[in-house]
Amino acid sequence: MNYAHHAASFVARRLSHEAIIATFAGLIVVISVWEGQWLGLAVILTVGLFGGMLSRMFAFNTGVQFMGYYVAVLSVPAIVKLL
């Protein structure tokens, strides 16, 4: 934490906004392929596109979407187990 301000100001001054977004997008792709192979990447893209569609077309709040994702992680396996 001693150098956090210095590092953050360096990133803000020297790196472009697009480079930071591309880094995070690349990290998401790498983690999804690492964890779920190509099916994991397809799931991540589908969830992202569906969430973006809900947000743009229907003004569905992204905070509510995140709460739904957290609930789905816990409830879907329990429902599948009941079936």
N, C-alpha and C. Protein backbone atom coordinates (compact mmCIF):
# COMPACT_ATOMS: atom_id res chain seq x y z
N MET A 1 0.81 -1.19 0.00
CA MET A 1 0.00 0.00 0.00
C MET A 1 0.85 1.26 0.00
N ASN A 2 2.13 1.12 0.20
CA ASN A 2 2.99 2.31 0.25
C ASN A 2 3.11 2.98 -1.11
N TYR A 3 3.05 2.21 -2.18
CA TYR A 3 3.26 2.74 -3.52
C TYR A 3 2.00 2.71 -4.38
N ALA A 4 0.84 2.54 -3.77
CA ALA A 4 -0.40 2.40 -4.53
C ALA A 4 -0.72 3.69 -5.29
N HIS A 5 -0.56 4.83 -4.65
CA HIS A 5 -0.87 6.10 -5.33
C HIS A 5 0.08 6.32 -6.51
N HIS A 6 1.33 6.03 -6.30
CA HIS A 6 2.32 6.20 -7.37
C HIS A 6 2.00 5.26 -8.55
N ALA A 7 1.66 4.01 -8.25
CA ALA A 7 1.34 3.06 -9.32
C ALA A 7 0.06 3.45 -10.04
N ALA A 8 -0.95 3.87 -9.30
CA ALA A 8 -2.22 4.25 -9.92
C ALA A 8 -2.06 5.50 -10.78
N SER A 9 -1.28 6.46 -10.33
CA SER A 9 -1.07 7.65 -11.15
C SER A 9 -0.25 7.33 -12.39
N PHE A 10 0.69 6.39 -12.30
CA PHE A 10 1.44 5.96 -13.48
C PHE A 10 0.51 5.33 -14.51
N VAL A 11 -0.37 4.45 -14.05
CA VAL A 11 -1.31 3.80 -14.96
C VAL A 11 -2.24 4.83 -15.58
N ALA A 12 -2.72 5.77 -14.79
CA ALA A 12 -3.66 6.77 -15.31
C ALA A 12 -2.99 7.70 -16.32
N ARG A 13 -1.73 8.01 -16.10
CA ARG A 13 -1.04 8.94 -17.01
C ARG A 13 -0.45 8.27 -18.24
N ARG A 14 0.09 7.08 -18.09
CA ARG A 14 0.89 6.47 -19.16
C ARG A 14 0.18 5.44 -20.01
N LEU A 15 -0.88 4.82 -19.49
CA LEU A 15 -1.54 3.75 -20.23
C LEU A 15 -2.88 4.25 -20.76
N SER A 16 -3.22 3.81 -21.95
CA SER A 16 -4.50 4.23 -22.53
C SER A 16 -5.65 3.43 -21.92
N HIS A 17 -6.80 4.01 -21.99
CA HIS A 17 -8.00 3.38 -21.47
C HIS A 17 -8.28 2.07 -22.20
N GLU A 18 -8.04 2.06 -23.49
CA GLU A 18 -8.28 0.86 -24.29
C GLU A 18 -7.34 -0.28 -23.89
N ALA A 19 -6.11 0.06 -23.54
CA ALA A 19 -5.16 -0.98 -23.13
C ALA A 19 -5.58 -1.63 -21.82
N ILE A 20 -6.12 -0.86 -20.91
CA ILE A 20 -6.58 -1.42 -19.64
C ILE A 20 -7.79 -2.32 -19.86
N ILE A 21 -8.74 -1.88 -20.70
CA ILE A 21 -9.91 -2.69 -20.99
C ILE A 21 -9.50 -3.98 -21.71
N ALA A 22 -8.58 -3.89 -22.65
CA ALA A 22 -8.11 -5.08 -23.37
C ALA A 22 -7.41 -6.05 -22.43
N THR A 23 -6.69 -5.54 -21.45
CA THR A 23 -6.03 -6.41 -20.47
C THR A 23 -7.05 -7.19 -19.67
N PHE A 24 -8.09 -6.52 -19.19
CA PHE A 24 -9.12 -7.22 -18.44
C PHE A 24 -9.89 -8.20 -19.31
N ALA A 25 -10.19 -7.83 -20.54
CA ALA A 25 -10.88 -8.74 -21.46
C ALA A 25 -10.01 -9.98 -21.73
N GLY A 26 -8.73 -9.77 -21.95
CA GLY A 26 -7.82 -10.89 -22.15
C GLY A 26 -7.73 -11.79 -20.94
N LEU A 27 -7.74 -11.20 -19.75
CA LEU A 27 -7.70 -11.98 -18.53
C LEU A 27 -8.96 -12.84 -18.38
N ILE A 28 -10.11 -12.28 -18.73
CA ILE A 28 -11.36 -13.03 -18.67
C ILE A 28 -11.34 -14.20 -19.65
N VAL A 29 -10.83 -13.96 -20.86
CA VAL A 29 -10.75 -15.03 -21.86
C VAL A 29 -9.81 -16.14 -21.39
N VAL A 30 -8.66 -15.77 -20.87
CA VAL A 30 -7.68 -16.77 -20.43
C VAL A 30 -8.25 -17.60 -19.28
N ILE A 31 -8.87 -16.95 -18.31
CA ILE A 31 -9.42 -17.70 -17.17
C ILE A 31 -10.57 -18.59 -17.60
N SER A 32 -11.43 -18.10 -18.49
CA SER A 32 -12.56 -18.94 -18.91
C SER A 32 -12.10 -20.15 -19.72
N VAL A 33 -11.10 -19.98 -20.57
CA VAL A 33 -10.58 -21.13 -21.33
C VAL A 33 -9.83 -22.07 -20.40
N TRP A 34 -9.10 -21.53 -19.43
CA TRP A 34 -8.35 -22.36 -18.49
C TRP A 34 -9.30 -23.21 -17.64
N GLU A 35 -10.38 -22.60 -17.17
CA GLU A 35 -11.30 -23.30 -16.27
C GLU A 35 -12.28 -24.21 -17.01
N GLY A 36 -12.77 -23.78 -18.17
CA GLY A 36 -13.83 -24.55 -18.82
C GLY A 36 -13.58 -24.88 -20.27
N GLN A 37 -12.35 -24.78 -20.73
CA GLN A 37 -11.99 -24.99 -22.13
C GLN A 37 -12.86 -24.09 -23.02
N TRP A 38 -13.17 -24.55 -24.21
CA TRP A 38 -13.91 -23.68 -25.14
C TRP A 38 -15.38 -23.52 -24.73
N LEU A 39 -15.91 -24.51 -24.02
CA LEU A 39 -17.28 -24.38 -23.52
C LEU A 39 -17.36 -23.26 -22.47
N GLY A 40 -16.34 -23.15 -21.65
CA GLY A 40 -16.30 -22.06 -20.66
C GLY A 40 -16.28 -20.70 -21.33
N LEU A 41 -15.53 -20.57 -22.41
CA LEU A 41 -15.50 -19.31 -23.15
C LEU A 41 -16.86 -19.02 -23.76
N ALA A 42 -17.52 -20.05 -24.30
CA ALA A 42 -18.85 -19.86 -24.88
C ALA A 42 -19.86 -19.42 -23.82
N VAL A 43 -19.77 -20.01 -22.63
CA VAL A 43 -20.68 -19.64 -21.55
C VAL A 43 -20.44 -18.20 -21.12
N ILE A 44 -19.18 -17.81 -20.97
CA ILE A 44 -18.86 -16.44 -20.55
C ILE A 44 -19.37 -15.44 -21.59
N LEU A 45 -19.16 -15.73 -22.87
CA LEU A 45 -19.63 -14.82 -23.91
C LEU A 45 -21.15 -14.74 -23.94
N THR A 46 -21.82 -15.89 -23.77
CA THR A 46 -23.28 -15.91 -23.77
C THR A 46 -23.84 -15.12 -22.60
N VAL A 47 -23.30 -15.33 -21.42
CA VAL A 47 -23.77 -14.60 -20.24
C VAL A 47 -23.50 -13.11 -20.39
N GLY A 48 -22.34 -12.76 -20.91
CA GLY A 48 -22.02 -11.35 -21.11
C GLY A 48 -22.93 -10.68 -22.13
N LEU A 49 -23.16 -11.34 -23.24
CA LEU A 49 -24.03 -10.76 -24.27
C LEU A 49 -25.48 -10.66 -23.79
N PHE A 50 -25.94 -11.69 -23.08
CA PHE A 50 -27.31 -11.67 -22.56
C PHE A 50 -27.47 -10.58 -21.50
N GLY A 51 -26.47 -10.44 -20.63
CA GLY A 51 -26.52 -9.38 -19.62
C GLY A 51 -26.47 -8.00 -20.23
N GLY A 52 -25.66 -7.83 -21.26
CA GLY A 52 -25.61 -6.55 -21.96
C GLY A 52 -26.91 -6.23 -22.67
N MET A 53 -27.55 -7.26 -23.23
CA MET A 53 -28.84 -7.06 -23.89
C MET A 53 -29.90 -6.65 -22.86
N LEU A 54 -29.91 -7.32 -21.72
CA LEU A 54 -30.87 -6.95 -20.67
C LEU A 54 -30.65 -5.52 -20.20
N SER A 55 -29.40 -5.14 -20.09
CA SER A 55 -29.09 -3.79 -19.61
C SER A 55 -29.47 -2.72 -20.63
N ARG A 56 -29.15 -2.95 -21.87
CA ARG A 56 -29.39 -1.93 -22.91
C ARG A 56 -30.84 -1.87 -23.37
N MET A 57 -31.40 -3.02 -23.70
CA MET A 57 -32.72 -3.03 -24.33
C MET A 57 -33.86 -2.89 -23.32
N PHE A 58 -33.65 -3.42 -22.10
CA PHE A 58 -34.74 -3.44 -21.14
C PHE A 58 -34.44 -2.61 -19.88
N ALA A 59 -33.31 -1.90 -19.86
CA ALA A 59 -32.90 -1.07 -18.72
C ALA A 59 -32.89 -1.88 -17.42
N PHE A 60 -32.43 -3.11 -17.53
CA PHE A 60 -32.34 -4.01 -16.38
C PHE A 60 -31.05 -3.69 -15.64
N ASN A 61 -31.14 -3.33 -14.38
CA ASN A 61 -30.00 -2.88 -13.58
C ASN A 61 -28.93 -3.98 -13.48
N THR A 62 -27.68 -3.61 -13.67
CA THR A 62 -26.60 -4.60 -13.62
C THR A 62 -26.39 -5.12 -12.20
N GLY A 63 -26.69 -4.33 -11.18
CA GLY A 63 -26.59 -4.83 -9.81
C GLY A 63 -27.54 -5.97 -9.55
N VAL A 64 -28.74 -5.87 -10.08
CA VAL A 64 -29.72 -6.94 -9.95
C VAL A 64 -29.24 -8.17 -10.72
N GLN A 65 -28.62 -7.97 -11.86
CA GLN A 65 -28.08 -9.10 -12.62
C GLN A 65 -27.01 -9.83 -11.83
N PHE A 66 -26.11 -9.09 -11.19
CA PHE A 66 -25.06 -9.73 -10.39
C PHE A 66 -25.66 -10.51 -9.23
N MET A 67 -26.69 -9.97 -8.58
CA MET A 67 -27.35 -10.71 -7.51
C MET A 67 -27.96 -12.00 -8.04
N GLY A 68 -28.54 -11.93 -9.24
CA GLY A 68 -29.10 -13.13 -9.85
C GLY A 68 -28.03 -14.17 -10.17
N TYR A 69 -26.85 -13.73 -10.62
CA TYR A 69 -25.76 -14.66 -10.91
C TYR A 69 -25.30 -15.36 -9.63
N TYR A 70 -25.19 -14.61 -8.53
CA TYR A 70 -24.78 -15.21 -7.27
C TYR A 70 -25.80 -16.22 -6.77
N VAL A 71 -27.07 -15.91 -6.91
CA VAL A 71 -28.12 -16.84 -6.48
C VAL A 71 -28.12 -18.08 -7.37
N ALA A 72 -27.88 -17.90 -8.67
CA ALA A 72 -27.88 -19.04 -9.60
C ALA A 72 -26.77 -20.02 -9.27
N VAL A 73 -25.62 -19.52 -8.82
CA VAL A 73 -24.51 -20.41 -8.47
C VAL A 73 -24.90 -21.34 -7.34
N LEU A 74 -25.73 -20.86 -6.43
CA LEU A 74 -26.15 -21.69 -5.30
C LEU A 74 -27.42 -22.49 -5.57
N SER A 75 -28.35 -21.91 -6.31
CA SER A 75 -29.66 -22.56 -6.46
C SER A 75 -29.71 -23.57 -7.61
N VAL A 76 -29.05 -23.32 -8.71
CA VAL A 76 -29.12 -24.24 -9.85
C VAL A 76 -28.58 -25.63 -9.49
N PRO A 77 -27.42 -25.76 -8.84
CA PRO A 77 -26.98 -27.12 -8.46
C PRO A 77 -27.96 -27.81 -7.50
N ALA A 78 -28.58 -27.05 -6.59
CA ALA A 78 -29.55 -27.65 -5.68
C ALA A 78 -30.79 -28.12 -6.42
N ILE A 79 -31.25 -27.36 -7.39
CA ILE A 79 -32.43 -27.76 -8.17
C ILE A 79 -32.11 -28.97 -9.03
N VAL A 80 -30.94 -29.00 -9.64
CA VAL A 80 -30.53 -30.16 -10.45
C VAL A 80 -30.42 -31.41 -9.58
N LYS A 81 -29.95 -31.23 -8.35
CA LYS A 81 -29.81 -32.36 -7.44
C LYS A 81 -31.19 -32.94 -7.07
N LEU A 82 -32.19 -32.07 -6.98
CA LEU A 82 -33.55 -32.53 -6.68
C LEU A 82 -34.17 -33.31 -7.83
N LEU A 83 -33.79 -32.96 -9.03
CA LEU A 83 -34.34 -33.65 -10.20
C LEU A 83 -33.65 -34.97 -10.36
